[in-house]
Protein backbone atom coordinates (compact mmCIF):
# COMPACT_ATOMS: atom_id res chain seq x y z
CA MET A 1 0.00 0.00 0.00
CA ALA A 2 2.91 2.37 0.64
CA ALA A 3 4.13 2.06 -2.97
CA TRP A 4 0.56 2.43 -4.24
CA LYS A 5 0.07 5.68 -2.32
CA VAL A 6 3.37 7.12 -3.50
CA ALA A 7 2.69 6.24 -7.16
CA CYS A 8 -0.85 7.63 -7.10
CA ALA A 9 0.35 10.89 -5.55
CA ALA A 10 3.15 11.43 -8.08
CA ALA A 11 2.88 14.33 -10.51
CA GLY A 12 4.99 12.87 -13.35
CA THR A 13 5.10 9.58 -15.25
CA VAL A 14 5.30 6.58 -12.91
CA THR A 15 5.70 2.83 -13.43
CA LEU A 16 4.28 0.65 -10.65
CA MET A 17 5.07 -3.07 -10.53
CA ILE A 18 2.65 -5.23 -8.55
CA PRO A 19 4.33 -8.59 -7.76
CA PRO A 20 2.53 -11.95 -7.48
CA GLY A 21 -0.01 -12.08 -4.68
CA THR A 22 -3.37 -10.58 -3.78
CA TYR A 23 -3.57 -6.91 -2.85
CA TYR A 24 -6.38 -4.71 -1.54
CA ILE A 25 -6.28 -1.24 -3.04
CA GLY A 26 -8.09 2.07 -3.00
CA PRO A 27 -8.65 4.87 -5.53
CA CYS A 28 -5.80 6.31 -7.58
CA LYS A 29 -5.63 9.76 -9.21
CA ALA A 30 -2.19 9.69 -10.85
CA SER A 31 -1.89 11.64 -14.11
CA ALA A 32 0.38 9.14 -15.92
CA LEU A 33 0.67 5.66 -14.40
CA THR A 34 1.90 2.41 -15.99
CA PHE A 35 0.94 -0.86 -14.26
CA LEU A 36 3.10 -3.95 -14.50
CA LEU A 37 0.57 -6.30 -12.97
CA GLN A 38 1.75 -9.76 -11.92
CA GLY A 39 -0.57 -10.21 -8.95
CA THR A 40 -4.30 -9.79 -8.29
CA LEU A 41 -5.96 -6.53 -7.30
CA LYS A 42 -9.02 -6.65 -5.08
CA ALA A 43 -11.21 -4.29 -3.13
CA ALA A 44 -11.83 -5.27 0.49
CA THR A 45 -15.23 -6.73 1.39
CA ASP A 46 -15.62 -4.02 4.03
CA LEU A 47 -16.45 -1.17 1.65
CA LYS A 48 -16.71 1.39 4.45
CA ARG A 49 -12.94 1.55 4.65
CA PHE A 50 -12.77 3.36 1.30
CA GLY A 51 -15.22 6.20 2.02
CA ASN A 52 -18.30 7.30 0.10
CA ASP A 53 -16.54 8.33 -3.12
CA TRP A 54 -14.89 4.95 -3.60
CA ILE A 55 -18.09 3.02 -2.84
CA GLU A 56 -20.03 5.03 -5.39
CA ALA A 57 -17.38 4.53 -8.07
CA SER A 58 -16.69 0.85 -7.53
CA LYS A 59 -20.17 -0.60 -7.58
CA PHE A 60 -20.73 0.20 -11.27
CA PHE A 61 -17.43 -0.35 -13.11
CA TYR A 62 -14.32 -2.37 -12.40
CA ILE A 63 -12.31 -0.01 -14.59
CA ALA A 64 -13.67 3.41 -15.62
CA LEU A 65 -11.76 5.54 -18.14
CA LEU A 66 -13.08 9.11 -17.92
CA ASN A 67 -11.44 12.02 -19.77
CA ASN A 68 -8.40 9.94 -20.74
CA ASN A 69 -6.08 10.41 -23.71
CA ASN A 70 -3.79 7.77 -25.23
CA ILE A 71 -4.18 4.93 -22.75
CA LYS A 72 -3.60 1.20 -23.28
CA LEU A 73 -5.13 -1.69 -21.33
CA LEU A 74 -3.32 -4.92 -22.21
CA ASN A 75 -3.47 -8.51 -20.91
CA LEU A 76 -6.12 -7.89 -18.26
CA ARG A 77 -8.28 -10.50 -16.52
CA ILE A 78 -11.54 -9.30 -14.94
CA ASN A 79 -13.70 -11.92 -13.23
CA ALA A 80 -17.06 -11.49 -11.51
CA PRO A 81 -20.09 -13.78 -11.05
CA SER A 82 -22.67 -13.70 -13.83
CA ASN A 83 -25.35 -12.70 -11.31
CA SER A 84 -23.45 -9.68 -9.97
CA PRO A 85 -25.71 -6.70 -10.76
CA ASN A 86 -24.66 -3.68 -12.85
CA THR A 87 -20.95 -4.46 -12.87
CA ASP A 88 -19.42 -3.36 -16.19
CA GLY A 89 -15.90 -4.64 -16.72
CA ILE A 90 -14.47 -1.58 -18.52
CA HIS A 91 -16.36 1.67 -19.15
CA ILE A 92 -15.01 4.40 -21.45
CA GLU A 93 -16.35 7.96 -21.57
CA ARG A 94 -15.09 11.30 -22.94
CA SER A 95 -11.79 9.71 -23.96
CA THR A 96 -9.56 9.62 -27.05
CA GLY A 97 -6.98 7.12 -28.23
CA VAL A 98 -7.92 4.14 -26.04
CA VAL A 99 -6.57 0.65 -26.82
CA ILE A 100 -7.88 -2.52 -25.15
CA ALA A 101 -6.29 -5.80 -26.26
CA ASP A 102 -5.54 -9.40 -25.25
CA THR A 103 -8.02 -9.32 -22.38
CA ARG A 104 -10.61 -11.67 -20.83
CA ILE A 105 -13.66 -10.24 -19.07
CA GLY A 106 -16.42 -12.07 -17.21
CA THR A 107 -18.98 -10.03 -15.31
CA GLY A 108 -22.65 -9.48 -14.50
CA ASP A 109 -23.24 -6.64 -16.98
CA ASP A 110 -21.39 -5.29 -20.04
CA CYS A 111 -17.88 -6.59 -20.54
CA ILE A 112 -17.03 -3.29 -22.24
CA SER A 113 -19.29 -0.23 -22.46
CA ILE A 114 -18.44 2.76 -24.64
CA GLY A 115 -20.28 5.88 -23.52
CA GLN A 116 -20.64 9.37 -24.91
CA GLY A 117 -17.90 11.72 -26.04
CA ASN A 118 -15.40 9.08 -27.24
CA ASP A 119 -13.18 9.12 -30.33
CA ASN A 120 -10.63 6.70 -31.78
CA ILE A 121 -11.23 3.58 -29.66
CA ASP A 122 -9.51 0.31 -30.69
CA ILE A 123 -10.48 -3.04 -29.15
CA ALA A 124 -8.92 -6.33 -30.25
CA HIS A 125 -8.54 -9.92 -29.06
CA VAL A 126 -10.98 -9.69 -26.16
CA HIS A 127 -12.93 -12.66 -24.76
CA CYS A 128 -16.27 -11.72 -23.19
CA GLY A 129 -18.34 -14.05 -21.03
CA PRO A 130 -20.28 -14.34 -18.90
CA GLY A 131 -21.99 -10.97 -19.12
CA HIS A 132 -24.24 -8.81 -21.27
CA GLY A 133 -21.75 -8.45 -24.12
CA MET A 134 -20.35 -5.18 -25.43
CA SER A 135 -22.39 -1.97 -25.63
CA VAL A 136 -22.02 1.32 -27.40
CA GLY A 137 -24.17 3.40 -25.09
CA SER A 138 -26.54 3.92 -23.74
CA LEU A 139 -26.45 7.28 -25.51
CA GLY A 140 -28.76 10.26 -25.59
CA ARG A 141 -30.08 10.44 -22.08
CA TYR A 142 -28.53 13.69 -20.84
CA VAL A 143 -28.17 17.21 -22.23
CA GLY A 144 -24.77 18.04 -23.69
CA GLU A 145 -23.55 14.55 -24.52
CA GLY A 146 -20.67 14.45 -27.00
CA ASP A 147 -20.43 12.57 -30.28
CA ILE A 148 -18.96 9.08 -30.41
CA THR A 149 -16.84 8.33 -33.48
CA ARG A 150 -14.15 6.06 -34.91
CA ILE A 151 -14.73 2.83 -32.98
CA HIS A 152 -12.87 -0.24 -34.28
CA VAL A 153 -13.53 -3.62 -32.69
CA LYS A 154 -12.00 -6.81 -34.11
CA ASP A 155 -11.16 -10.42 -33.21
CA MET A 156 -13.53 -10.54 -30.24
CA THR A 157 -15.24 -13.67 -28.85
CA PHE A 158 -18.54 -13.69 -26.96
CA GLU A 159 -19.34 -16.88 -25.06
CA GLY A 160 -22.65 -17.51 -23.29
CA THR A 161 -23.48 -13.81 -23.12
CA MET A 162 -26.88 -12.13 -23.24
CA ASN A 163 -25.81 -9.95 -26.18
CA GLY A 164 -22.93 -9.67 -28.58
CA VAL A 165 -22.58 -6.12 -29.89
CA GLN A 166 -25.30 -3.66 -28.87
CA ILE A 167 -25.78 -0.03 -29.91
CA LYS A 168 -28.43 1.59 -27.75
CA THR A 169 -29.82 5.14 -27.67
CA TRP A 170 -32.61 6.70 -25.65
CA GLU A 171 -35.57 8.18 -27.46
CA ASN A 172 -36.64 11.81 -26.96
CA PHE A 173 -33.03 12.98 -26.59
CA PRO A 174 -33.07 16.67 -25.48
CA THR A 175 -30.14 17.59 -27.79
CA LYS A 176 -28.63 16.12 -30.96
CA SER A 177 -25.52 13.97 -31.19
CA LEU A 178 -23.77 11.59 -33.58
CA ALA A 179 -22.68 7.96 -33.33
CA ALA A 180 -20.72 7.16 -36.47
CA HIS A 181 -17.77 5.51 -38.22
CA MET A 182 -17.72 2.19 -36.40
CA VAL A 183 -16.37 -1.16 -37.59
CA PHE A 184 -17.05 -4.51 -35.90
CA GLU A 185 -15.24 -7.36 -37.61
CA ASN A 186 -13.95 -10.91 -37.19
CA MET A 187 -16.15 -11.79 -34.24
CA VAL A 188 -17.22 -15.18 -32.93
CA MET A 189 -20.53 -15.70 -31.09
CA LYS A 190 -20.86 -18.87 -29.01
CA ASP A 191 -24.39 -19.50 -27.74
CA VAL A 192 -25.20 -15.77 -27.55
CA GLN A 193 -28.83 -14.78 -27.09
CA ASN A 194 -28.74 -11.61 -29.24
CA PRO A 195 -25.56 -11.37 -31.34
CA ILE A 196 -26.31 -7.93 -32.85
CA ILE A 197 -28.75 -5.30 -31.55
CA ILE A 198 -29.29 -1.70 -32.66
CA ASP A 199 -31.92 -0.16 -30.39
CA GLN A 200 -32.88 3.51 -30.77
CA LYS A 201 -35.76 3.23 -28.32
CA TYR A 202 -33.71 1.95 -25.42
CA CYS A 203 -35.42 2.08 -22.04
CA PRO A 204 -34.74 -0.42 -19.23
CA TYR A 205 -37.88 0.53 -17.28
CA TYR A 206 -41.39 -0.91 -17.31
CA ASN A 207 -43.30 2.31 -18.05
CA CYS A 208 -41.61 3.25 -21.34
CA GLU A 209 -44.00 4.94 -23.78
CA HIS A 210 -41.86 4.85 -26.96
CA LYS A 211 -43.57 7.87 -28.51
CA TYR A 212 -40.51 9.79 -29.65
CA VAL A 213 -37.59 9.58 -32.07
CA SER A 214 -34.05 9.35 -30.77
CA GLY A 215 -31.96 12.49 -31.22
CA VAL A 216 -28.83 10.37 -31.76
CA THR A 217 -28.00 9.95 -35.45
CA ILE A 218 -26.39 6.58 -36.21
CA LYS A 219 -24.49 6.25 -39.48
CA ASP A 220 -21.59 4.45 -41.17
CA ILE A 221 -21.73 1.27 -39.07
CA THR A 222 -20.01 -1.80 -40.53
CA PHE A 223 -20.40 -5.41 -39.37
CA ARG A 224 -17.99 -7.77 -41.14
CA ASN A 225 -17.34 -11.50 -40.74
CA ILE A 226 -19.56 -12.13 -37.71
CA LYS A 227 -20.10 -15.84 -37.19
CA GLY A 228 -21.16 -18.39 -34.60
CA THR A 229 -24.34 -19.53 -32.86
CA SER A 230 -27.35 -17.73 -31.43
CA SER A 231 -29.47 -19.24 -28.66
CA LEU A 232 -32.54 -17.31 -29.88
CA PRO A 233 -34.21 -17.46 -33.36
CA VAL A 234 -33.28 -13.92 -34.44
CA ALA A 235 -29.55 -13.22 -34.65
CA ALA A 236 -29.63 -9.54 -35.65
CA CYS A 237 -32.30 -6.96 -34.92
CA SER A 238 -32.76 -3.23 -35.13
CA GLY A 239 -35.15 -1.00 -33.20
CA ALA A 240 -35.06 1.68 -35.88
CA ALA A 241 -35.29 2.00 -39.64
CA PHE A 242 -32.00 1.29 -41.39
CA ARG A 243 -30.76 0.80 -44.91
CA ALA A 244 -28.62 -2.29 -45.24
CA ARG A 245 -26.53 -3.48 -48.18
CA ALA A 246 -25.55 -7.14 -48.61
CA TRP A 247 -27.12 -8.09 -45.30
CA CYS A 248 -28.60 -11.52 -44.73
CA CYS A 249 -29.17 -13.79 -41.80
CA ARG A 250 -30.07 -17.44 -42.18
CA THR A 251 -30.93 -19.88 -39.41
CA SER A 252 -30.55 -23.61 -39.36
CA THR A 253 -33.79 -25.50 -38.75
CA SER A 254 -32.03 -28.83 -38.22
CA SER A 255 -30.59 -27.88 -34.85
CA THR A 256 -32.01 -26.81 -31.51
CA ARG A 257 -29.61 -23.88 -31.66
CA ASP A 258 -29.95 -21.30 -34.42
CA ARG A 259 -26.84 -20.58 -36.43
CA ALA A 260 -26.31 -17.07 -37.72
CA VAL A 261 -24.61 -16.93 -41.10
CA PRO A 262 -23.69 -13.31 -41.77
CA PRO A 263 -22.57 -11.79 -45.05
CA GLN A 264 -19.01 -10.78 -45.80
CA SER A 265 -19.85 -7.16 -45.07
CA ALA A 266 -22.88 -5.19 -43.95
CA ARG A 267 -23.04 -1.42 -43.74
CA MET A 268 -25.88 0.35 -42.02
CA SER A 269 -26.85 4.00 -41.99
CA ARG A 270 -29.88 5.78 -40.70
CA PRO A 271 -32.02 7.08 -43.60
CA SER A 272 -31.76 10.80 -44.16
CA THR A 273 -34.92 12.81 -43.50
């Protein structure tokens, strides 16, 4: 803990090596910190020891990247029970130049969630499961949200998850924003309930009226070489009107599990009004 406190309080660039073993840590606010992680980081079961700020931050995301530039997360292992509520593995918001690679995430909610205000996010060689899959959003709930652009996700495997890739926006967004220029390619779905979802009427509550149009414009979204199995009959669905070129989805009727056979490339864009 002494080395942790010194590194987190440093003003310059710091490299912190965590040797084999299990360590209980608290929050860190270093401006430039490189982890060489050989051991296991845990939060203590007695959450009162961290104070109110740490409790509020830790019960939603294991790793939250907020207002970060040029950061890399490599060779991580995040494990949580599938029934742990609202526990995203990695959440990214208002950040630029983020790389996540060679990582395994199992959790009770999204393995990776990409929120508003992000640009130039690269994700590769990530295994997700259990969990809810990977989400872009939810977007469009609050005034002043930034655009989300240039997202590239490749070579990702989803195993036993609720969803694969999900783009979700709230309807009746008070201001306008853009979600564009995204590529999802070379992905494997293994027994995934909903491999691809685009939902522009997202609402997790019971009393949703669905009377309005989302203020988030979605365009230039590419899905390429998505393959595997879906545990539900429909492998790809959209909650809004989209144009699609070269898009098809066939299911096998000879098996109890439906097999999604995607095209080589599918590009979607919201129709202009």
